Structure formats: C-alpha cells, structure tokens
N, C-alpha and C. Protein backbone atom coordinates (compact mmCIF):
# COMPACT_ATOMS: atom_id res chain seq x y z
N UNK A 1 -76.74 182.10 -12.41
CA UNK A 1 -76.34 183.12 -11.47
C UNK A 1 -74.97 182.76 -10.92
N UNK A 2 -74.14 183.75 -10.72
CA UNK A 2 -72.80 183.54 -10.21
C UNK A 2 -72.85 183.44 -8.69
N UNK A 3 -72.29 182.36 -8.17
CA UNK A 3 -72.21 182.21 -6.73
C UNK A 3 -70.92 181.48 -6.37
N UNK A 4 -70.53 181.62 -5.12
CA UNK A 4 -69.34 180.93 -4.61
C UNK A 4 -69.66 180.39 -3.24
N UNK A 5 -68.94 179.33 -2.87
CA UNK A 5 -69.15 178.69 -1.58
C UNK A 5 -67.82 178.55 -0.84
N UNK A 6 -67.92 178.60 0.48
CA UNK A 6 -66.77 178.35 1.34
C UNK A 6 -67.24 177.49 2.49
N UNK A 7 -66.51 176.43 2.77
CA UNK A 7 -66.85 175.54 3.87
C UNK A 7 -66.09 175.95 5.12
N UNK A 8 -66.82 176.03 6.22
CA UNK A 8 -66.26 176.44 7.51
C UNK A 8 -66.66 175.41 8.56
N UNK A 9 -66.08 175.51 9.74
CA UNK A 9 -66.48 174.69 10.87
C UNK A 9 -67.25 175.53 11.86
N UNK A 10 -68.23 174.92 12.53
CA UNK A 10 -69.08 175.65 13.47
C UNK A 10 -68.86 175.11 14.88
N UNK A 11 -68.68 176.03 15.83
CA UNK A 11 -68.52 175.68 17.24
C UNK A 11 -69.75 176.16 17.99
N UNK A 12 -70.33 175.27 18.81
CA UNK A 12 -71.49 175.63 19.63
C UNK A 12 -71.12 175.43 21.10
N UNK A 13 -71.83 176.13 21.96
CA UNK A 13 -71.60 176.04 23.40
C UNK A 13 -72.87 175.63 24.10
N UNK A 14 -72.72 174.69 25.02
CA UNK A 14 -73.84 174.30 25.89
C UNK A 14 -73.53 174.89 27.27
N UNK A 15 -74.42 175.73 27.74
CA UNK A 15 -74.26 176.35 29.05
C UNK A 15 -75.21 175.68 30.04
N UNK A 16 -74.73 175.45 31.24
CA UNK A 16 -75.55 174.87 32.30
C UNK A 16 -76.35 175.99 32.96
N UNK A 17 -77.65 175.78 33.11
CA UNK A 17 -78.53 176.76 33.72
C UNK A 17 -79.04 176.23 35.06
N UNK A 18 -79.41 177.14 35.93
CA UNK A 18 -79.92 176.72 37.24
C UNK A 18 -81.37 177.15 37.43
N UNK A 19 -82.06 177.51 36.36
CA UNK A 19 -83.44 177.94 36.46
C UNK A 19 -84.41 176.78 36.57
N UNK A 20 -85.64 177.06 36.96
CA UNK A 20 -86.63 175.98 37.11
C UNK A 20 -87.19 175.46 35.78
N UNK A 21 -87.01 176.19 34.67
CA UNK A 21 -87.62 175.79 33.40
C UNK A 21 -86.66 175.12 32.43
N UNK A 22 -85.38 175.35 32.61
CA UNK A 22 -84.40 174.75 31.69
C UNK A 22 -83.11 174.44 32.44
N UNK A 23 -82.46 173.37 32.04
CA UNK A 23 -81.20 172.98 32.69
C UNK A 23 -79.98 173.33 31.83
N UNK A 24 -80.21 173.64 30.55
CA UNK A 24 -79.11 173.98 29.67
C UNK A 24 -79.59 174.86 28.52
N UNK A 25 -78.65 175.57 27.90
CA UNK A 25 -78.94 176.35 26.69
C UNK A 25 -77.83 176.09 25.69
N UNK A 26 -78.20 176.06 24.43
CA UNK A 26 -77.25 175.85 23.33
C UNK A 26 -77.20 177.12 22.51
N UNK A 27 -75.98 177.56 22.16
CA UNK A 27 -75.82 178.74 21.31
C UNK A 27 -74.66 178.54 20.35
N UNK A 28 -74.81 179.03 19.13
CA UNK A 28 -73.64 179.09 18.24
C UNK A 28 -72.60 179.99 18.91
N UNK A 29 -71.35 179.58 18.89
CA UNK A 29 -70.31 180.31 19.60
C UNK A 29 -69.33 180.99 18.67
N UNK A 30 -68.87 180.26 17.65
CA UNK A 30 -67.87 180.81 16.73
C UNK A 30 -67.78 179.93 15.50
N UNK A 31 -66.99 180.39 14.53
CA UNK A 31 -66.73 179.57 13.35
C UNK A 31 -65.23 179.42 13.18
N UNK A 32 -64.86 178.31 12.59
CA UNK A 32 -63.48 178.03 12.26
C UNK A 32 -63.32 178.29 10.77
N UNK A 33 -62.26 178.95 10.33
CA UNK A 33 -62.12 179.30 8.92
C UNK A 33 -61.97 178.10 7.99
N UNK A 34 -61.71 176.93 8.56
CA UNK A 34 -61.60 175.70 7.77
C UNK A 34 -62.18 174.56 8.59
N UNK A 35 -62.47 173.46 7.94
CA UNK A 35 -63.04 172.30 8.62
C UNK A 35 -61.90 171.50 9.26
N UNK A 36 -61.95 171.33 10.58
CA UNK A 36 -60.89 170.56 11.23
C UNK A 36 -61.06 169.06 10.98
N UNK A 37 -60.00 168.32 11.17
CA UNK A 37 -60.06 166.88 10.96
C UNK A 37 -60.42 166.17 12.26
N UNK A 38 -61.59 166.52 12.81
CA UNK A 38 -62.12 165.86 13.99
C UNK A 38 -63.59 165.53 13.73
N UNK A 39 -64.11 164.61 14.47
CA UNK A 39 -65.50 164.18 14.28
C UNK A 39 -66.47 165.26 14.77
N UNK A 40 -67.65 165.27 14.15
CA UNK A 40 -68.70 166.18 14.62
C UNK A 40 -69.02 165.87 16.08
N UNK A 41 -69.36 166.88 16.82
CA UNK A 41 -69.73 166.84 18.23
C UNK A 41 -68.58 166.39 19.13
N UNK A 42 -67.36 166.65 18.67
CA UNK A 42 -66.19 166.46 19.52
C UNK A 42 -66.15 167.60 20.52
N UNK A 43 -65.98 167.27 21.79
CA UNK A 43 -65.89 168.30 22.82
C UNK A 43 -64.55 169.01 22.70
N UNK A 44 -64.59 170.35 22.66
CA UNK A 44 -63.36 171.14 22.53
C UNK A 44 -62.83 171.60 23.87
N UNK A 45 -63.73 171.99 24.77
CA UNK A 45 -63.32 172.36 26.13
C UNK A 45 -64.52 172.26 27.06
N UNK A 46 -64.22 172.28 28.36
CA UNK A 46 -65.27 172.18 29.38
C UNK A 46 -64.89 173.02 30.58
N UNK A 47 -65.92 173.56 31.22
CA UNK A 47 -65.72 174.31 32.46
C UNK A 47 -66.97 174.10 33.31
N UNK A 48 -66.99 174.72 34.48
CA UNK A 48 -68.15 174.60 35.36
C UNK A 48 -69.40 175.22 34.73
N UNK A 49 -69.20 176.22 33.85
CA UNK A 49 -70.33 176.90 33.22
C UNK A 49 -70.90 176.13 32.03
N UNK A 50 -70.07 175.32 31.36
CA UNK A 50 -70.56 174.60 30.19
C UNK A 50 -69.44 174.01 29.36
N UNK A 51 -69.81 173.55 28.15
CA UNK A 51 -68.87 172.92 27.24
C UNK A 51 -69.00 173.51 25.84
N UNK A 52 -67.91 173.44 25.09
CA UNK A 52 -67.93 173.83 23.68
C UNK A 52 -67.69 172.59 22.84
N UNK A 53 -68.40 172.52 21.71
CA UNK A 53 -68.31 171.38 20.82
C UNK A 53 -68.09 171.84 19.39
N UNK A 54 -67.36 171.03 18.62
CA UNK A 54 -67.31 171.23 17.18
C UNK A 54 -68.57 170.59 16.63
N UNK A 55 -69.52 171.40 16.14
CA UNK A 55 -70.81 170.89 15.68
C UNK A 55 -70.76 170.28 14.29
N UNK A 56 -69.82 170.72 13.47
CA UNK A 56 -69.70 170.18 12.12
C UNK A 56 -69.39 171.25 11.09
N UNK A 57 -69.37 170.81 9.85
CA UNK A 57 -69.07 171.71 8.73
C UNK A 57 -70.35 172.36 8.21
N UNK A 58 -70.19 173.54 7.65
CA UNK A 58 -71.31 174.25 7.02
C UNK A 58 -70.75 175.05 5.85
N UNK A 59 -71.62 175.33 4.89
CA UNK A 59 -71.22 176.13 3.73
C UNK A 59 -71.78 177.53 3.83
N UNK A 60 -70.92 178.49 3.52
CA UNK A 60 -71.37 179.86 3.32
C UNK A 60 -71.53 180.01 1.82
N UNK A 61 -72.70 180.40 1.38
CA UNK A 61 -72.97 180.56 -0.04
C UNK A 61 -73.15 182.04 -0.34
N UNK A 62 -72.39 182.55 -1.30
CA UNK A 62 -72.46 183.96 -1.68
C UNK A 62 -73.08 184.08 -3.07
N UNK A 63 -73.98 185.05 -3.23
CA UNK A 63 -74.67 185.28 -4.49
C UNK A 63 -74.34 186.68 -5.01
N UNK A 64 -74.13 186.79 -6.31
CA UNK A 64 -73.74 188.06 -6.93
C UNK A 64 -74.79 189.15 -6.70
N UNK A 65 -76.04 188.80 -6.63
CA UNK A 65 -77.10 189.80 -6.43
C UNK A 65 -77.16 190.36 -5.02
N UNK A 66 -76.40 189.78 -4.10
CA UNK A 66 -76.45 190.21 -2.70
C UNK A 66 -75.16 190.91 -2.24
N UNK A 67 -74.32 191.29 -3.18
CA UNK A 67 -73.02 191.86 -2.81
C UNK A 67 -73.14 193.13 -1.97
N UNK A 68 -74.18 193.91 -2.20
CA UNK A 68 -74.38 195.12 -1.38
C UNK A 68 -74.61 194.76 0.08
N UNK A 69 -75.30 193.66 0.32
CA UNK A 69 -75.55 193.21 1.70
C UNK A 69 -74.25 192.76 2.36
N UNK A 70 -73.44 192.01 1.61
CA UNK A 70 -72.16 191.55 2.16
C UNK A 70 -71.25 192.73 2.45
N UNK A 71 -71.27 193.72 1.56
CA UNK A 71 -70.45 194.92 1.77
C UNK A 71 -70.90 195.65 3.04
N UNK A 72 -72.21 195.77 3.23
CA UNK A 72 -72.74 196.39 4.45
C UNK A 72 -72.22 195.67 5.69
N UNK A 73 -72.19 194.35 5.63
CA UNK A 73 -71.69 193.55 6.74
C UNK A 73 -70.21 193.84 7.00
N UNK A 74 -69.41 193.86 5.93
CA UNK A 74 -67.96 194.05 6.08
C UNK A 74 -67.60 195.41 6.66
N UNK A 75 -68.36 196.45 6.31
CA UNK A 75 -68.03 197.80 6.79
C UNK A 75 -68.77 198.16 8.08
N UNK A 76 -69.48 197.21 8.65
CA UNK A 76 -70.29 197.48 9.84
C UNK A 76 -69.48 197.74 11.10
N UNK A 77 -68.19 197.41 11.09
CA UNK A 77 -67.39 197.54 12.29
C UNK A 77 -67.30 196.22 13.06
N UNK A 78 -68.22 195.31 12.79
CA UNK A 78 -68.21 193.98 13.41
C UNK A 78 -68.72 192.96 12.40
N UNK A 79 -67.91 192.63 11.40
CA UNK A 79 -68.35 191.64 10.40
C UNK A 79 -68.74 190.33 11.09
N UNK A 80 -69.90 189.80 10.71
CA UNK A 80 -70.44 188.63 11.39
C UNK A 80 -70.94 187.59 10.42
N UNK A 81 -71.09 186.39 10.94
CA UNK A 81 -71.80 185.31 10.25
C UNK A 81 -72.96 184.94 11.14
N UNK A 82 -74.11 184.68 10.53
CA UNK A 82 -75.29 184.28 11.28
C UNK A 82 -75.44 182.78 11.15
N UNK A 83 -75.58 182.11 12.30
CA UNK A 83 -75.69 180.66 12.34
C UNK A 83 -77.05 180.30 12.92
N UNK A 84 -77.77 179.43 12.22
CA UNK A 84 -79.05 178.93 12.71
C UNK A 84 -78.90 177.46 13.07
N UNK A 85 -79.30 177.12 14.30
CA UNK A 85 -79.30 175.73 14.76
C UNK A 85 -80.75 175.27 14.91
N UNK A 86 -81.00 174.02 14.54
CA UNK A 86 -82.34 173.48 14.70
C UNK A 86 -82.23 172.19 15.54
N UNK A 87 -83.21 171.97 16.43
CA UNK A 87 -83.17 170.76 17.26
C UNK A 87 -83.19 169.50 16.40
N UNK A 88 -82.37 168.52 16.80
CA UNK A 88 -82.32 167.24 16.12
C UNK A 88 -81.87 166.19 17.13
N UNK A 89 -82.72 165.23 17.39
CA UNK A 89 -82.42 164.16 18.36
C UNK A 89 -81.99 164.78 19.69
N UNK A 90 -80.81 164.40 20.18
CA UNK A 90 -80.36 164.89 21.49
C UNK A 90 -79.62 166.21 21.40
N UNK A 91 -79.17 166.58 20.21
CA UNK A 91 -78.40 167.80 20.06
C UNK A 91 -79.07 168.70 19.04
N UNK A 92 -78.25 169.43 18.30
CA UNK A 92 -78.74 170.34 17.27
C UNK A 92 -78.02 170.07 15.97
N UNK A 93 -78.65 170.49 14.87
CA UNK A 93 -77.98 170.44 13.58
C UNK A 93 -77.86 171.86 13.05
N UNK A 94 -76.87 172.07 12.22
CA UNK A 94 -76.65 173.38 11.62
C UNK A 94 -77.65 173.54 10.48
N UNK A 95 -78.57 174.47 10.63
CA UNK A 95 -79.60 174.68 9.61
C UNK A 95 -79.08 175.56 8.48
N UNK A 96 -78.34 176.62 8.84
CA UNK A 96 -77.88 177.57 7.82
C UNK A 96 -76.82 178.48 8.41
N UNK A 97 -75.90 178.91 7.56
CA UNK A 97 -74.91 179.94 7.92
C UNK A 97 -74.91 180.94 6.78
N UNK A 98 -74.98 182.24 7.13
CA UNK A 98 -75.00 183.27 6.10
C UNK A 98 -74.14 184.46 6.49
N UNK A 99 -73.62 185.13 5.46
CA UNK A 99 -72.88 186.37 5.65
C UNK A 99 -73.75 187.59 5.33
N UNK A 100 -75.00 187.35 4.94
CA UNK A 100 -75.94 188.43 4.60
C UNK A 100 -76.65 188.87 5.87
N UNK A 101 -76.41 190.09 6.35
CA UNK A 101 -77.02 190.53 7.61
C UNK A 101 -78.55 190.59 7.56
N UNK A 102 -79.10 190.86 6.39
CA UNK A 102 -80.56 190.95 6.28
C UNK A 102 -81.19 189.56 6.30
N UNK A 103 -80.53 188.60 5.69
CA UNK A 103 -80.99 187.22 5.78
C UNK A 103 -80.85 186.71 7.21
N UNK A 104 -79.75 187.08 7.87
CA UNK A 104 -79.55 186.69 9.26
C UNK A 104 -80.65 187.21 10.16
N UNK A 105 -81.05 188.46 9.91
CA UNK A 105 -82.14 189.05 10.69
C UNK A 105 -83.45 188.30 10.45
N UNK A 106 -83.71 187.94 9.21
CA UNK A 106 -84.97 187.22 8.92
C UNK A 106 -84.93 185.80 9.48
N UNK A 107 -83.75 185.17 9.55
CA UNK A 107 -83.65 183.84 10.15
C UNK A 107 -84.02 183.89 11.62
N UNK A 108 -83.71 184.99 12.29
CA UNK A 108 -83.98 185.12 13.72
C UNK A 108 -85.48 185.23 14.01
N UNK A 109 -86.29 185.50 13.01
CA UNK A 109 -87.72 185.62 13.20
C UNK A 109 -88.44 184.27 13.18
N UNK A 110 -87.71 183.20 12.81
CA UNK A 110 -88.31 181.87 12.73
C UNK A 110 -88.58 181.29 14.10
N UNK A 111 -89.40 180.27 14.12
CA UNK A 111 -89.75 179.60 15.37
C UNK A 111 -89.02 178.27 15.42
N UNK A 112 -88.43 177.96 16.54
CA UNK A 112 -87.81 176.66 16.75
C UNK A 112 -86.33 176.61 16.45
N UNK A 113 -85.79 177.62 15.81
CA UNK A 113 -84.36 177.63 15.52
C UNK A 113 -83.67 178.64 16.43
N UNK A 114 -82.44 178.34 16.76
CA UNK A 114 -81.61 179.25 17.54
C UNK A 114 -80.70 179.96 16.54
N UNK A 115 -80.74 181.29 16.52
CA UNK A 115 -79.93 182.06 15.57
C UNK A 115 -79.05 183.01 16.36
N UNK A 116 -77.78 183.04 16.01
CA UNK A 116 -76.83 183.91 16.68
C UNK A 116 -75.83 184.44 15.67
N UNK A 117 -75.46 185.71 15.82
CA UNK A 117 -74.39 186.30 15.01
C UNK A 117 -73.08 186.09 15.74
N UNK A 118 -72.08 185.60 15.02
CA UNK A 118 -70.75 185.37 15.61
C UNK A 118 -69.73 186.12 14.76
N UNK A 119 -68.59 186.46 15.34
CA UNK A 119 -67.57 187.19 14.57
C UNK A 119 -67.09 186.40 13.35
N UNK A 120 -66.90 187.11 12.25
CA UNK A 120 -66.41 186.51 11.01
C UNK A 120 -64.88 186.48 11.05
N UNK A 121 -64.27 185.29 10.91
CA UNK A 121 -62.80 185.22 10.91
C UNK A 121 -62.20 186.04 9.77
N UNK A 122 -60.97 186.50 9.95
CA UNK A 122 -60.30 187.35 8.97
C UNK A 122 -60.21 186.69 7.59
N UNK A 123 -59.92 185.40 7.53
CA UNK A 123 -59.81 184.74 6.22
C UNK A 123 -61.16 184.67 5.51
N UNK A 124 -62.24 184.55 6.27
CA UNK A 124 -63.58 184.55 5.66
C UNK A 124 -63.92 185.98 5.20
N UNK A 125 -63.51 186.98 5.98
CA UNK A 125 -63.71 188.37 5.56
C UNK A 125 -63.02 188.63 4.23
N UNK A 126 -61.81 188.11 4.08
CA UNK A 126 -61.07 188.28 2.82
C UNK A 126 -61.79 187.60 1.67
N UNK A 127 -62.33 186.41 1.90
CA UNK A 127 -63.09 185.67 0.89
C UNK A 127 -64.32 186.46 0.45
N UNK A 128 -65.06 186.99 1.42
CA UNK A 128 -66.27 187.76 1.12
C UNK A 128 -65.90 189.07 0.42
N UNK A 129 -64.86 189.74 0.88
CA UNK A 129 -64.43 191.01 0.26
C UNK A 129 -64.00 190.79 -1.19
N UNK A 130 -63.29 189.70 -1.46
CA UNK A 130 -62.87 189.40 -2.83
C UNK A 130 -64.09 189.14 -3.71
N UNK A 131 -65.10 188.47 -3.17
CA UNK A 131 -66.32 188.21 -3.92
C UNK A 131 -67.04 189.52 -4.24
N UNK A 132 -67.16 190.40 -3.25
CA UNK A 132 -67.80 191.71 -3.45
C UNK A 132 -67.03 192.50 -4.50
N UNK A 133 -65.72 192.51 -4.41
CA UNK A 133 -64.88 193.25 -5.36
C UNK A 133 -65.10 192.74 -6.79
N UNK A 134 -65.24 191.43 -6.92
CA UNK A 134 -65.38 190.83 -8.25
C UNK A 134 -66.77 191.04 -8.86
N UNK A 135 -67.82 191.00 -8.05
CA UNK A 135 -69.16 190.95 -8.61
C UNK A 135 -70.07 192.14 -8.29
N UNK A 136 -69.64 193.05 -7.43
CA UNK A 136 -70.55 194.14 -7.04
C UNK A 136 -70.75 195.13 -8.19
N UNK A 137 -72.00 195.47 -8.43
CA UNK A 137 -72.38 196.50 -9.40
C UNK A 137 -73.22 197.51 -8.63
N UNK A 138 -72.74 198.75 -8.61
CA UNK A 138 -73.47 199.80 -7.89
C UNK A 138 -74.76 200.11 -8.64
N UNK A 139 -75.85 200.07 -7.93
CA UNK A 139 -77.15 200.37 -8.53
C UNK A 139 -77.67 201.66 -7.91
N UNK A 140 -77.90 202.66 -8.73
CA UNK A 140 -78.37 203.94 -8.17
C UNK A 140 -79.80 203.80 -7.65
N UNK A 141 -80.08 204.54 -6.60
CA UNK A 141 -81.43 204.57 -6.04
C UNK A 141 -82.29 205.47 -6.91
N UNK A 142 -83.41 204.96 -7.35
CA UNK A 142 -84.33 205.74 -8.17
C UNK A 142 -85.65 205.83 -7.43
N UNK A 143 -85.99 207.05 -7.04
CA UNK A 143 -87.23 207.25 -6.32
C UNK A 143 -88.38 207.28 -7.31
N UNK A 144 -89.36 206.46 -7.05
CA UNK A 144 -90.53 206.42 -7.93
C UNK A 144 -91.39 207.66 -7.69
N UNK A 145 -91.99 208.16 -8.76
CA UNK A 145 -92.89 209.29 -8.64
C UNK A 145 -94.31 208.76 -8.60
N UNK A 146 -95.11 209.38 -7.78
CA UNK A 146 -96.50 208.96 -7.67
C UNK A 146 -97.25 209.30 -8.94
N UNK A 147 -98.17 208.44 -9.29
CA UNK A 147 -99.03 208.66 -10.45
C UNK A 147 -100.12 209.63 -10.03
N UNK A 148 -100.21 210.76 -10.68
CA UNK A 148 -101.18 211.80 -10.32
C UNK A 148 -102.55 211.55 -10.93
N UNK A 149 -102.71 210.55 -11.76
CA UNK A 149 -104.02 210.26 -12.35
C UNK A 149 -104.97 209.86 -11.24
N UNK A 150 -106.13 210.48 -11.21
CA UNK A 150 -107.12 210.13 -10.22
C UNK A 150 -107.04 210.97 -8.97
N UNK A 151 -106.10 211.89 -8.92
CA UNK A 151 -105.95 212.75 -7.77
C UNK A 151 -106.89 213.94 -7.94
N UNK A 152 -107.84 214.12 -7.04
CA UNK A 152 -108.83 215.20 -7.16
C UNK A 152 -108.18 216.58 -7.15
N UNK A 153 -107.07 216.72 -6.42
CA UNK A 153 -106.41 218.02 -6.34
C UNK A 153 -105.82 218.43 -7.68
N UNK A 154 -105.46 217.47 -8.52
CA UNK A 154 -104.86 217.82 -9.79
C UNK A 154 -105.91 218.03 -10.87
N UNK A 155 -107.17 217.84 -10.52
CA UNK A 155 -108.25 218.07 -11.48
C UNK A 155 -108.55 216.86 -12.35
N UNK A 156 -107.88 215.77 -12.14
CA UNK A 156 -108.10 214.57 -12.92
C UNK A 156 -109.30 213.80 -12.41
N UNK A 157 -109.75 212.84 -13.18
CA UNK A 157 -110.91 212.06 -12.77
C UNK A 157 -110.57 211.19 -11.56
N UNK A 158 -111.51 211.03 -10.68
CA UNK A 158 -111.32 210.20 -9.51
C UNK A 158 -111.65 208.75 -9.81
N UNK A 159 -110.87 207.84 -9.28
CA UNK A 159 -111.13 206.42 -9.49
C UNK A 159 -111.98 205.85 -8.36
N UNK A 160 -112.29 206.67 -7.41
CA UNK A 160 -113.10 206.20 -6.28
C UNK A 160 -114.55 206.15 -6.69
N UNK A 161 -115.21 205.13 -6.27
CA UNK A 161 -116.64 204.99 -6.55
C UNK A 161 -117.41 205.16 -5.25
N UNK A 162 -118.60 205.57 -5.37
CA UNK A 162 -119.33 205.62 -4.11
C UNK A 162 -120.36 206.58 -4.12
C-alpha cells in the first residue's frame, strides 16, 4: 500500500485549575511543521493560567485509501490534525496524530486518552494536498438494491418460519 509520513512537533498546554476535583488539565495545543532542536518537555512559555511545553515529535501517516477523508479535512474551512495524548508517568505521551477527521473522531471515543483537534499548519496542508492530488481516485457511490427474494408482497416464497 502506498503511504507517506511527515514528522512534526507537538505542543501541549497545562492549565491551572481551581476546582475541588482537579488542579490542572493537559491539552494538545498546536503542532510545529518541523521538529525543533530542543529536548522533549522543554517549557516554551508560562503565564498565571498555565504553561506550554514542546511534548516531542510525532509522525503523520497518510494512506492512499484514505485520500477522500484527507480531502474532506482540507476543504472543511478549518483543516485540522487530531492529537491523542495518553497518561505516562508524571506527564503525557503522544499516542497518535492523524489528518483523517473520521479517525480523529473515533480516537475521541476512547477512554483514558485526551484527544483534541488543532489547526493544521500551512506547510502540512500542502503536504497533505500533494498526497491527495497524487493518489486520490474518485469512487462513484453505488446504491445497493434490496433483494426481493422472500418478500411476500412480490409473491415470492417467504424465508420466515413459524
């Protein structure tokens, strides 16, 4: 199967909370179009509300069979990447990054992972668009017709027993 990969950097934000059940929340914040030459979990900025960290590198993997999904994402008006974080030790690890909106939606249904859609940088949009242009094959929608065998209204034999 034809596939391509692009490595990006992931930025996460830790927000300070004042509620009785949690003192902080972690969320994917953005992606960097390339991997910076800094160590994972380097603090990028801090404020009274929280801090942002470079969480590390991740790969976006594109598959030729999913080009329609990537195209849907690109023309959506807000091209996004979905980032899943999973708890690991004191922080989080990057579980997965995808440009497929349907896969991103299914990742959000999991338990224990934090999933967030973040804006797709322009250079990543160009990478995805070039992949779609190269590998997309339009597949016509073919509506299946119901099998009339066994339908009492059509005079055929019924498959129901009883």
